[in-house]
ModelCIF file with pLDDT and N, C-alpha, C, O atoms, coordinates in Angstrom:
data_MODEL
#
_entry.id   MODEL 
#
_entity.id                         1 
_entity.type                       polymer 
_entity.pdbx_number_of_molecules   1 
#
_entity_poly.entity_id                      1 
_entity_poly.type                           'polypeptide(L)' 
_entity_poly.nstd_linkage                   no 
_entity_poly.nstd_monomer                   no 
_entity_poly.pdbx_seq_one_letter_code       PQVERLAGSLRLVRLDRRGHGLSTGTPGLGWAVADLAALCRHLGL 
_entity_poly.pdbx_seq_one_letter_code_can   PQVERLAGSLRLVRLDRRGHGLSTGTPGLGWAVADLAALCRHLGL 
_entity_poly.pdbx_strand_id                 A 
#
loop_
_entity_poly_seq.entity_id 
_entity_poly_seq.num 
_entity_poly_seq.mon_id 
_entity_poly_seq.hetero 
1 1  PRO n 
1 2  GLN n 
1 3  VAL n 
1 4  GLU n 
1 5  ARG n 
1 6  LEU n 
1 7  ALA n 
1 8  GLY n 
1 9  SER n 
1 10 LEU n 
1 11 ARG n 
1 12 LEU n 
1 13 VAL n 
1 14 ARG n 
1 15 LEU n 
1 16 ASP n 
1 17 ARG n 
1 18 ARG n 
1 19 GLY n 
1 20 HIS n 
1 21 GLY n 
1 22 LEU n 
1 23 SER n 
1 24 THR n 
1 25 GLY n 
1 26 THR n 
1 27 PRO n 
1 28 GLY n 
1 29 LEU n 
1 30 GLY n 
1 31 TRP n 
1 32 ALA n 
1 33 VAL n 
1 34 ALA n 
1 35 ASP n 
1 36 LEU n 
1 37 ALA n 
1 38 ALA n 
1 39 LEU n 
1 40 CYS n 
1 41 ARG n 
1 42 HIS n 
1 43 LEU n 
1 44 GLY n 
1 45 LEU n 
#
_struct_asym.id          A 
_struct_asym.entity_id   1 
#
loop_
_ma_qa_metric.id 
_ma_qa_metric.mode 
_ma_qa_metric.name 
_ma_qa_metric.software_group_id 
_ma_qa_metric.type 
1 global pLDDT . pLDDT 
2 local  pLDDT . pLDDT 
#
_ma_qa_metric_global.metric_id      1 
_ma_qa_metric_global.metric_value   96.18 
_ma_qa_metric_global.model_id       1 
_ma_qa_metric_global.ordinal_id     1 
#
loop_
_ma_qa_metric_local.label_asym_id 
_ma_qa_metric_local.label_comp_id 
_ma_qa_metric_local.label_seq_id 
_ma_qa_metric_local.metric_id 
_ma_qa_metric_local.metric_value 
_ma_qa_metric_local.model_id 
_ma_qa_metric_local.ordinal_id 
A PRO 1  2 96.00 1 1  
A GLN 2  2 96.00 1 2  
A VAL 3  2 97.00 1 3  
A GLU 4  2 95.00 1 4  
A ARG 5  2 96.00 1 5  
A LEU 6  2 97.00 1 6  
A ALA 7  2 95.00 1 7  
A GLY 8  2 95.00 1 8  
A SER 9  2 97.00 1 9  
A LEU 10 2 97.00 1 10 
A ARG 11 2 97.00 1 11 
A LEU 12 2 98.00 1 12 
A VAL 13 2 98.00 1 13 
A ARG 14 2 98.00 1 14 
A LEU 15 2 97.00 1 15 
A ASP 16 2 98.00 1 16 
A ARG 17 2 97.00 1 17 
A ARG 18 2 97.00 1 18 
A GLY 19 2 96.00 1 19 
A HIS 20 2 97.00 1 20 
A GLY 21 2 97.00 1 21 
A LEU 22 2 97.00 1 22 
A SER 23 2 98.00 1 23 
A THR 24 2 98.00 1 24 
A GLY 25 2 97.00 1 25 
A THR 26 2 95.00 1 26 
A PRO 27 2 94.00 1 27 
A GLY 28 2 91.00 1 28 
A LEU 29 2 89.00 1 29 
A GLY 30 2 91.00 1 30 
A TRP 31 2 94.00 1 31 
A ALA 32 2 93.00 1 32 
A VAL 33 2 95.00 1 33 
A ALA 34 2 96.00 1 34 
A ASP 35 2 97.00 1 35 
A LEU 36 2 96.00 1 36 
A ALA 37 2 97.00 1 37 
A ALA 38 2 97.00 1 38 
A LEU 39 2 98.00 1 39 
A CYS 40 2 98.00 1 40 
A ARG 41 2 97.00 1 41 
A HIS 42 2 98.00 1 42 
A LEU 43 2 98.00 1 43 
A GLY 44 2 97.00 1 44 
A LEU 45 2 96.00 1 45 
#
loop_
_atom_site.group_PDB 
_atom_site.id 
_atom_site.type_symbol 
_atom_site.label_atom_id 
_atom_site.label_alt_id 
_atom_site.label_comp_id 
_atom_site.label_asym_id 
_atom_site.label_entity_id 
_atom_site.label_seq_id 
_atom_site.pdbx_PDB_ins_code 
_atom_site.Cartn_x 
_atom_site.Cartn_y 
_atom_site.Cartn_z 
_atom_site.occupancy 
_atom_site.B_iso_or_equiv 
_atom_site.pdbx_formal_charge 
_atom_site.auth_seq_id 
_atom_site.auth_comp_id 
_atom_site.auth_asym_id 
_atom_site.auth_atom_id 
_atom_site.pdbx_PDB_model_num 
ATOM 1   N N  . PRO A 1 1  ? -10.619 -55.280 -6.823  1.00 96.00 ? 1  PRO A N  1 
ATOM 2   C CA . PRO A 1 1  ? -11.667 -54.736 -5.946  1.00 96.00 ? 1  PRO A CA 1 
ATOM 3   C C  . PRO A 1 1  ? -11.644 -55.336 -4.534  1.00 96.00 ? 1  PRO A C  1 
ATOM 4   O O  . PRO A 1 1  ? -11.865 -54.625 -3.554  1.00 96.00 ? 1  PRO A O  1 
ATOM 5   N N  . GLN A 1 2  ? -11.381 -56.632 -4.433  1.00 96.00 ? 2  GLN A N  1 
ATOM 6   C CA . GLN A 1 2  ? -11.328 -57.273 -3.114  1.00 96.00 ? 2  GLN A CA 1 
ATOM 7   C C  . GLN A 1 2  ? -10.108 -56.800 -2.332  1.00 96.00 ? 2  GLN A C  1 
ATOM 8   O O  . GLN A 1 2  ? -10.194 -56.545 -1.131  1.00 96.00 ? 2  GLN A O  1 
ATOM 9   N N  . VAL A 1 3  ? -8.968  -56.682 -3.020  1.00 97.00 ? 3  VAL A N  1 
ATOM 10  C CA . VAL A 1 3  ? -7.748  -56.221 -2.351  1.00 97.00 ? 3  VAL A CA 1 
ATOM 11  C C  . VAL A 1 3  ? -7.954  -54.799 -1.834  1.00 97.00 ? 3  VAL A C  1 
ATOM 12  O O  . VAL A 1 3  ? -7.533  -54.473 -0.724  1.00 97.00 ? 3  VAL A O  1 
ATOM 13  N N  . GLU A 1 4  ? -8.586  -53.973 -2.620  1.00 95.00 ? 4  GLU A N  1 
ATOM 14  C CA . GLU A 1 4  ? -8.837  -52.587 -2.225  1.00 95.00 ? 4  GLU A CA 1 
ATOM 15  C C  . GLU A 1 4  ? -9.619  -52.522 -0.912  1.00 95.00 ? 4  GLU A C  1 
ATOM 16  O O  . GLU A 1 4  ? -9.366  -51.652 -0.078  1.00 95.00 ? 4  GLU A O  1 
ATOM 17  N N  . ARG A 1 5  ? -10.551 -53.425 -0.732  1.00 96.00 ? 5  ARG A N  1 
ATOM 18  C CA . ARG A 1 5  ? -11.396 -53.415 0.470   1.00 96.00 ? 5  ARG A CA 1 
ATOM 19  C C  . ARG A 1 5  ? -10.788 -54.152 1.662   1.00 96.00 ? 5  ARG A C  1 
ATOM 20  O O  . ARG A 1 5  ? -11.073 -53.805 2.809   1.00 96.00 ? 5  ARG A O  1 
ATOM 21  N N  . LEU A 1 6  ? -9.956  -55.161 1.410   1.00 97.00 ? 6  LEU A N  1 
ATOM 22  C CA . LEU A 1 6  ? -9.517  -56.056 2.486   1.00 97.00 ? 6  LEU A CA 1 
ATOM 23  C C  . LEU A 1 6  ? -8.068  -55.890 2.936   1.00 97.00 ? 6  LEU A C  1 
ATOM 24  O O  . LEU A 1 6  ? -7.687  -56.431 3.974   1.00 97.00 ? 6  LEU A O  1 
ATOM 25  N N  . ALA A 1 7  ? -7.256  -55.159 2.184   1.00 95.00 ? 7  ALA A N  1 
ATOM 26  C CA . ALA A 1 7  ? -5.819  -55.086 2.487   1.00 95.00 ? 7  ALA A CA 1 
ATOM 27  C C  . ALA A 1 7  ? -5.520  -54.406 3.821   1.00 95.00 ? 7  ALA A C  1 
ATOM 28  O O  . ALA A 1 7  ? -4.404  -54.526 4.326   1.00 95.00 ? 7  ALA A O  1 
ATOM 29  N N  . GLY A 1 8  ? -6.474  -53.704 4.398   1.00 95.00 ? 8  GLY A N  1 
ATOM 30  C CA . GLY A 1 8  ? -6.250  -53.076 5.697   1.00 95.00 ? 8  GLY A CA 1 
ATOM 31  C C  . GLY A 1 8  ? -6.204  -54.065 6.845   1.00 95.00 ? 8  GLY A C  1 
ATOM 32  O O  . GLY A 1 8  ? -5.660  -53.765 7.908   1.00 95.00 ? 8  GLY A O  1 
ATOM 33  N N  . SER A 1 9  ? -6.776  -55.250 6.635   1.00 97.00 ? 9  SER A N  1 
ATOM 34  C CA . SER A 1 9  ? -6.826  -56.217 7.731   1.00 97.00 ? 9  SER A CA 1 
ATOM 35  C C  . SER A 1 9  ? -6.326  -57.606 7.354   1.00 97.00 ? 9  SER A C  1 
ATOM 36  O O  . SER A 1 9  ? -6.250  -58.487 8.211   1.00 97.00 ? 9  SER A O  1 
ATOM 37  N N  . LEU A 1 10 ? -5.984  -57.816 6.078   1.00 97.00 ? 10 LEU A N  1 
ATOM 38  C CA . LEU A 1 10 ? -5.513  -59.119 5.625   1.00 97.00 ? 10 LEU A CA 1 
ATOM 39  C C  . LEU A 1 10 ? -4.304  -58.961 4.715   1.00 97.00 ? 10 LEU A C  1 
ATOM 40  O O  . LEU A 1 10 ? -4.138  -57.935 4.056   1.00 97.00 ? 10 LEU A O  1 
ATOM 41  N N  . ARG A 1 11 ? -3.474  -59.976 4.688   1.00 97.00 ? 11 ARG A N  1 
ATOM 42  C CA . ARG A 1 11 ? -2.393  -60.065 3.708   1.00 97.00 ? 11 ARG A CA 1 
ATOM 43  C C  . ARG A 1 11 ? -2.946  -60.833 2.512   1.00 97.00 ? 11 ARG A C  1 
ATOM 44  O O  . ARG A 1 11 ? -3.370  -61.981 2.646   1.00 97.00 ? 11 ARG A O  1 
ATOM 45  N N  . LEU A 1 12 ? -2.940  -60.202 1.357   1.00 98.00 ? 12 LEU A N  1 
ATOM 46  C CA . LEU A 1 12 ? -3.543  -60.789 0.160   1.00 98.00 ? 12 LEU A CA 1 
ATOM 47  C C  . LEU A 1 12 ? -2.469  -61.041 -0.882  1.00 98.00 ? 12 LEU A C  1 
ATOM 48  O O  . LEU A 1 12 ? -1.855  -60.110 -1.403  1.00 98.00 ? 12 LEU A O  1 
ATOM 49  N N  . VAL A 1 13 ? -2.256  -62.308 -1.176  1.00 98.00 ? 13 VAL A N  1 
ATOM 50  C CA . VAL A 1 13 ? -1.242  -62.730 -2.136  1.00 98.00 ? 13 VAL A CA 1 
ATOM 51  C C  . VAL A 1 13 ? -1.962  -63.192 -3.390  1.00 98.00 ? 13 VAL A C  1 
ATOM 52  O O  . VAL A 1 13 ? -2.864  -64.027 -3.334  1.00 98.00 ? 13 VAL A O  1 
ATOM 53  N N  . ARG A 1 14 ? -1.547  -62.632 -4.532  1.00 98.00 ? 14 ARG A N  1 
ATOM 54  C CA . ARG A 1 14 ? -2.158  -62.985 -5.823  1.00 98.00 ? 14 ARG A CA 1 
ATOM 55  C C  . ARG A 1 14 ? -1.061  -63.413 -6.776  1.00 98.00 ? 14 ARG A C  1 
ATOM 56  O O  . ARG A 1 14 ? 0.045   -62.873 -6.750  1.00 98.00 ? 14 ARG A O  1 
ATOM 57  N N  . LEU A 1 15 ? -1.370  -64.383 -7.612  1.00 97.00 ? 15 LEU A N  1 
ATOM 58  C CA . LEU A 1 15 ? -0.411  -64.969 -8.545  1.00 97.00 ? 15 LEU A CA 1 
ATOM 59  C C  . LEU A 1 15 ? -1.018  -65.037 -9.932  1.00 97.00 ? 15 LEU A C  1 
ATOM 60  O O  . LEU A 1 15 ? -2.161  -65.464 -10.098 1.00 97.00 ? 15 LEU A O  1 
ATOM 61  N N  . ASP A 1 16 ? -0.243  -64.610 -10.944 1.00 98.00 ? 16 ASP A N  1 
ATOM 62  C CA . ASP A 1 16 ? -0.625  -64.904 -12.333 1.00 98.00 ? 16 ASP A CA 1 
ATOM 63  C C  . ASP A 1 16 ? -0.173  -66.334 -12.610 1.00 98.00 ? 16 ASP A C  1 
ATOM 64  O O  . ASP A 1 16 ? 1.020   -66.631 -12.560 1.00 98.00 ? 16 ASP A O  1 
ATOM 65  N N  . ARG A 1 17 ? -1.121  -67.214 -12.901 1.00 97.00 ? 17 ARG A N  1 
ATOM 66  C CA . ARG A 1 17 ? -0.759  -68.591 -13.231 1.00 97.00 ? 17 ARG A CA 1 
ATOM 67  C C  . ARG A 1 17 ? 0.053   -68.620 -14.524 1.00 97.00 ? 17 ARG A C  1 
ATOM 68  O O  . ARG A 1 17 ? -0.018  -67.693 -15.331 1.00 97.00 ? 17 ARG A O  1 
ATOM 69  N N  . ARG A 1 18 ? 0.816   -69.680 -14.712 1.00 97.00 ? 18 ARG A N  1 
ATOM 70  C CA . ARG A 1 18 ? 1.627   -69.826 -15.942 1.00 97.00 ? 18 ARG A CA 1 
ATOM 71  C C  . ARG A 1 18 ? 0.783   -69.561 -17.177 1.00 97.00 ? 18 ARG A C  1 
ATOM 72  O O  . ARG A 1 18 ? -0.337  -70.054 -17.311 1.00 97.00 ? 18 ARG A O  1 
ATOM 73  N N  . GLY A 1 19 ? 1.358   -68.762 -18.082 1.00 96.00 ? 19 GLY A N  1 
ATOM 74  C CA . GLY A 1 19 ? 0.690   -68.481 -19.339 1.00 96.00 ? 19 GLY A CA 1 
ATOM 75  C C  . GLY A 1 19 ? -0.449  -67.486 -19.243 1.00 96.00 ? 19 GLY A C  1 
ATOM 76  O O  . GLY A 1 19 ? -1.167  -67.284 -20.223 1.00 96.00 ? 19 GLY A O  1 
ATOM 77  N N  . HIS A 1 20 ? -0.634  -66.862 -18.099 1.00 97.00 ? 20 HIS A N  1 
ATOM 78  C CA . HIS A 1 20 ? -1.704  -65.884 -17.892 1.00 97.00 ? 20 HIS A CA 1 
ATOM 79  C C  . HIS A 1 20 ? -1.086  -64.569 -17.416 1.00 97.00 ? 20 HIS A C  1 
ATOM 80  O O  . HIS A 1 20 ? -0.032  -64.562 -16.780 1.00 97.00 ? 20 HIS A O  1 
ATOM 81  N N  . GLY A 1 21 ? -1.754  -63.462 -17.732 1.00 97.00 ? 21 GLY A N  1 
ATOM 82  C CA . GLY A 1 21 ? -1.256  -62.162 -17.291 1.00 97.00 ? 21 GLY A CA 1 
ATOM 83  C C  . GLY A 1 21 ? 0.170   -61.954 -17.750 1.00 97.00 ? 21 GLY A C  1 
ATOM 84  O O  . GLY A 1 21 ? 0.476   -62.103 -18.933 1.00 97.00 ? 21 GLY A O  1 
ATOM 85  N N  . LEU A 1 22 ? 1.050   -61.609 -16.814 1.00 97.00 ? 22 LEU A N  1 
ATOM 86  C CA . LEU A 1 22 ? 2.454   -61.361 -17.145 1.00 97.00 ? 22 LEU A CA 1 
ATOM 87  C C  . LEU A 1 22 ? 3.370   -62.523 -16.786 1.00 97.00 ? 22 LEU A C  1 
ATOM 88  O O  . LEU A 1 22 ? 4.592   -62.375 -16.806 1.00 97.00 ? 22 LEU A O  1 
ATOM 89  N N  . SER A 1 23 ? 2.793   -63.676 -16.457 1.00 98.00 ? 23 SER A N  1 
ATOM 90  C CA . SER A 1 23 ? 3.608   -64.873 -16.203 1.00 98.00 ? 23 SER A CA 1 
ATOM 91  C C  . SER A 1 23 ? 3.868   -65.604 -17.514 1.00 98.00 ? 23 SER A C  1 
ATOM 92  O O  . SER A 1 23 ? 3.009   -65.651 -18.395 1.00 98.00 ? 23 SER A O  1 
ATOM 93  N N  . THR A 1 24 ? 5.049   -66.166 -17.629 1.00 98.00 ? 24 THR A N  1 
ATOM 94  C CA . THR A 1 24 ? 5.415   -66.923 -18.822 1.00 98.00 ? 24 THR A CA 1 
ATOM 95  C C  . THR A 1 24 ? 5.122   -68.401 -18.595 1.00 98.00 ? 24 THR A C  1 
ATOM 96  O O  . THR A 1 24 ? 4.698   -68.794 -17.508 1.00 98.00 ? 24 THR A O  1 
ATOM 97  N N  . GLY A 1 25 ? 5.346   -69.208 -19.605 1.00 97.00 ? 25 GLY A N  1 
ATOM 98  C CA . GLY A 1 25 ? 5.172   -70.651 -19.480 1.00 97.00 ? 25 GLY A CA 1 
ATOM 99  C C  . GLY A 1 25 ? 3.862   -71.142 -20.052 1.00 97.00 ? 25 GLY A C  1 
ATOM 100 O O  . GLY A 1 25 ? 3.017   -70.363 -20.492 1.00 97.00 ? 25 GLY A O  1 
ATOM 101 N N  . THR A 1 26 ? 3.714   -72.455 -20.036 1.00 95.00 ? 26 THR A N  1 
ATOM 102 C CA . THR A 1 26 ? 2.518   -73.114 -20.546 1.00 95.00 ? 26 THR A CA 1 
ATOM 103 C C  . THR A 1 26 ? 1.637   -73.522 -19.375 1.00 95.00 ? 26 THR A C  1 
ATOM 104 O O  . THR A 1 26 ? 2.113   -74.183 -18.451 1.00 95.00 ? 26 THR A O  1 
ATOM 105 N N  . PRO A 1 27 ? 0.366   -73.145 -19.393 1.00 94.00 ? 27 PRO A N  1 
ATOM 106 C CA . PRO A 1 27 ? -0.523  -73.495 -18.290 1.00 94.00 ? 27 PRO A CA 1 
ATOM 107 C C  . PRO A 1 27 ? -0.728  -75.003 -18.156 1.00 94.00 ? 27 PRO A C  1 
ATOM 108 O O  . PRO A 1 27 ? -0.609  -75.748 -19.129 1.00 94.00 ? 27 PRO A O  1 
ATOM 109 N N  . GLY A 1 28 ? -1.031  -75.428 -16.959 1.00 91.00 ? 28 GLY A N  1 
ATOM 110 C CA . GLY A 1 28 ? -1.358  -76.824 -16.690 1.00 91.00 ? 28 GLY A CA 1 
ATOM 111 C C  . GLY A 1 28 ? -1.675  -76.990 -15.223 1.00 91.00 ? 28 GLY A C  1 
ATOM 112 O O  . GLY A 1 28 ? -1.098  -76.301 -14.381 1.00 91.00 ? 28 GLY A O  1 
ATOM 113 N N  . LEU A 1 29 ? -2.591  -77.903 -14.899 1.00 89.00 ? 29 LEU A N  1 
ATOM 114 C CA . LEU A 1 29 ? -3.016  -78.091 -13.520 1.00 89.00 ? 29 LEU A CA 1 
ATOM 115 C C  . LEU A 1 29 ? -1.850  -78.492 -12.614 1.00 89.00 ? 29 LEU A C  1 
ATOM 116 O O  . LEU A 1 29 ? -1.717  -77.969 -11.507 1.00 89.00 ? 29 LEU A O  1 
ATOM 117 N N  . GLY A 1 30 ? -1.016  -79.406 -13.074 1.00 91.00 ? 30 GLY A N  1 
ATOM 118 C CA . GLY A 1 30 ? 0.140   -79.818 -12.273 1.00 91.00 ? 30 GLY A CA 1 
ATOM 119 C C  . GLY A 1 30 ? 1.066   -78.665 -11.974 1.00 91.00 ? 30 GLY A C  1 
ATOM 120 O O  . GLY A 1 30 ? 1.562   -78.528 -10.856 1.00 91.00 ? 30 GLY A O  1 
ATOM 121 N N  . TRP A 1 31 ? 1.302   -77.823 -12.987 1.00 94.00 ? 31 TRP A N  1 
ATOM 122 C CA . TRP A 1 31 ? 2.150   -76.654 -12.782 1.00 94.00 ? 31 TRP A CA 1 
ATOM 123 C C  . TRP A 1 31 ? 1.498   -75.679 -11.813 1.00 94.00 ? 31 TRP A C  1 
ATOM 124 O O  . TRP A 1 31 ? 2.181   -75.097 -10.971 1.00 94.00 ? 31 TRP A O  1 
ATOM 125 N N  . ALA A 1 32 ? 0.192   -75.494 -11.921 1.00 93.00 ? 32 ALA A N  1 
ATOM 126 C CA . ALA A 1 32 ? -0.514  -74.545 -11.061 1.00 93.00 ? 32 ALA A CA 1 
ATOM 127 C C  . ALA A 1 32 ? -0.320  -74.904 -9.588  1.00 93.00 ? 32 ALA A C  1 
ATOM 128 O O  . ALA A 1 32 ? -0.064  -74.029 -8.762  1.00 93.00 ? 32 ALA A O  1 
ATOM 129 N N  . VAL A 1 33 ? -0.442  -76.171 -9.269  1.00 95.00 ? 33 VAL A N  1 
ATOM 130 C CA . VAL A 1 33 ? -0.291  -76.626 -7.892  1.00 95.00 ? 33 VAL A CA 1 
ATOM 131 C C  . VAL A 1 33 ? 1.154   -76.459 -7.430  1.00 95.00 ? 33 VAL A C  1 
ATOM 132 O O  . VAL A 1 33 ? 1.397   -75.950 -6.336  1.00 95.00 ? 33 VAL A O  1 
ATOM 133 N N  . ALA A 1 34 ? 2.108   -76.879 -8.245  1.00 96.00 ? 34 ALA A N  1 
ATOM 134 C CA . ALA A 1 34 ? 3.525   -76.773 -7.888  1.00 96.00 ? 34 ALA A CA 1 
ATOM 135 C C  . ALA A 1 34 ? 3.962   -75.321 -7.767  1.00 96.00 ? 34 ALA A C  1 
ATOM 136 O O  . ALA A 1 34 ? 4.729   -74.981 -6.866  1.00 96.00 ? 34 ALA A O  1 
ATOM 137 N N  . ASP A 1 35 ? 3.489   -74.462 -8.659  1.00 97.00 ? 35 ASP A N  1 
ATOM 138 C CA . ASP A 1 35 ? 3.849   -73.042 -8.602  1.00 97.00 ? 35 ASP A CA 1 
ATOM 139 C C  . ASP A 1 35 ? 3.294   -72.386 -7.348  1.00 97.00 ? 35 ASP A C  1 
ATOM 140 O O  . ASP A 1 35 ? 3.977   -71.585 -6.709  1.00 97.00 ? 35 ASP A O  1 
ATOM 141 N N  . LEU A 1 36 ? 2.067   -72.719 -6.995  1.00 96.00 ? 36 LEU A N  1 
ATOM 142 C CA . LEU A 1 36 ? 1.477   -72.170 -5.783  1.00 96.00 ? 36 LEU A CA 1 
ATOM 143 C C  . LEU A 1 36 ? 2.264   -72.604 -4.546  1.00 96.00 ? 36 LEU A C  1 
ATOM 144 O O  . LEU A 1 36 ? 2.518   -71.791 -3.657  1.00 96.00 ? 36 LEU A O  1 
ATOM 145 N N  . ALA A 1 37 ? 2.645   -73.860 -4.486  1.00 97.00 ? 37 ALA A N  1 
ATOM 146 C CA . ALA A 1 37 ? 3.443   -74.352 -3.361  1.00 97.00 ? 37 ALA A CA 1 
ATOM 147 C C  . ALA A 1 37 ? 4.790   -73.637 -3.303  1.00 97.00 ? 37 ALA A C  1 
ATOM 148 O O  . ALA A 1 37 ? 5.253   -73.279 -2.220  1.00 97.00 ? 37 ALA A O  1 
ATOM 149 N N  . ALA A 1 38 ? 5.417   -73.428 -4.446  1.00 97.00 ? 38 ALA A N  1 
ATOM 150 C CA . ALA A 1 38 ? 6.704   -72.726 -4.496  1.00 97.00 ? 38 ALA A CA 1 
ATOM 151 C C  . ALA A 1 38 ? 6.564   -71.277 -4.031  1.00 97.00 ? 38 ALA A C  1 
ATOM 152 O O  . ALA A 1 38 ? 7.423   -70.773 -3.307  1.00 97.00 ? 38 ALA A O  1 
ATOM 153 N N  . LEU A 1 39 ? 5.493   -70.610 -4.442  1.00 98.00 ? 39 LEU A N  1 
ATOM 154 C CA . LEU A 1 39 ? 5.274   -69.225 -4.011  1.00 98.00 ? 39 LEU A CA 1 
ATOM 155 C C  . LEU A 1 39 ? 5.052   -69.158 -2.508  1.00 98.00 ? 39 LEU A C  1 
ATOM 156 O O  . LEU A 1 39 ? 5.588   -68.269 -1.846  1.00 98.00 ? 39 LEU A O  1 
ATOM 157 N N  . CYS A 1 40 ? 4.274   -70.076 -1.961  1.00 98.00 ? 40 CYS A N  1 
ATOM 158 C CA . CYS A 1 40 ? 4.051   -70.100 -0.519  1.00 98.00 ? 40 CYS A CA 1 
ATOM 159 C C  . CYS A 1 40 ? 5.358   -70.325 0.237   1.00 98.00 ? 40 CYS A C  1 
ATOM 160 O O  . CYS A 1 40 ? 5.596   -69.686 1.262   1.00 98.00 ? 40 CYS A O  1 
ATOM 161 N N  . ARG A 1 41 ? 6.196   -71.215 -0.251  1.00 97.00 ? 41 ARG A N  1 
ATOM 162 C CA . ARG A 1 41 ? 7.510   -71.424 0.388   1.00 97.00 ? 41 ARG A CA 1 
ATOM 163 C C  . ARG A 1 41 ? 8.343   -70.149 0.292   1.00 97.00 ? 41 ARG A C  1 
ATOM 164 O O  . ARG A 1 41 ? 8.952   -69.727 1.275   1.00 97.00 ? 41 ARG A O  1 
ATOM 165 N N  . HIS A 1 42 ? 8.370   -69.538 -0.884  1.00 98.00 ? 42 HIS A N  1 
ATOM 166 C CA . HIS A 1 42 ? 9.142   -68.314 -1.124  1.00 98.00 ? 42 HIS A CA 1 
ATOM 167 C C  . HIS A 1 42 ? 8.731   -67.193 -0.159  1.00 98.00 ? 42 HIS A C  1 
ATOM 168 O O  . HIS A 1 42 ? 9.578   -66.439 0.321   1.00 98.00 ? 42 HIS A O  1 
ATOM 169 N N  . LEU A 1 43 ? 7.433   -67.092 0.119   1.00 98.00 ? 43 LEU A N  1 
ATOM 170 C CA . LEU A 1 43 ? 6.922   -66.029 0.996   1.00 98.00 ? 43 LEU A CA 1 
ATOM 171 C C  . LEU A 1 43 ? 6.832   -66.435 2.456   1.00 98.00 ? 43 LEU A C  1 
ATOM 172 O O  . LEU A 1 43 ? 6.457   -65.625 3.305   1.00 98.00 ? 43 LEU A O  1 
ATOM 173 N N  . GLY A 1 44 ? 7.174   -67.686 2.758   1.00 97.00 ? 44 GLY A N  1 
ATOM 174 C CA . GLY A 1 44 ? 7.126   -68.164 4.135   1.00 97.00 ? 44 GLY A CA 1 
ATOM 175 C C  . GLY A 1 44 ? 5.715   -68.403 4.643   1.00 97.00 ? 44 GLY A C  1 
ATOM 176 O O  . GLY A 1 44 ? 5.466   -68.322 5.846   1.00 97.00 ? 44 GLY A O  1 
ATOM 177 N N  . LEU A 1 45 ? 4.786   -68.698 3.734   1.00 96.00 ? 45 LEU A N  1 
ATOM 178 C CA . LEU A 1 45 ? 3.401   -68.980 4.135   1.00 96.00 ? 45 LEU A CA 1 
ATOM 179 C C  . LEU A 1 45 ? 3.245   -70.465 4.441   1.00 96.00 ? 45 LEU A C  1 
ATOM 180 O O  . LEU A 1 45 ? 2.154   -70.911 4.796   1.00 96.00 ? 45 LEU A O  1 
#
């Protein structure tokens, strides 16, 4: 719902954390932080 309203003026990046949605792996706080940093590097953010 937020993306539907805001994508006209913002770039909205969403991630399925490990073990959630269609992402594989075992969830964990350390992984969540490292995965987010890796995604930001991958996208040049």
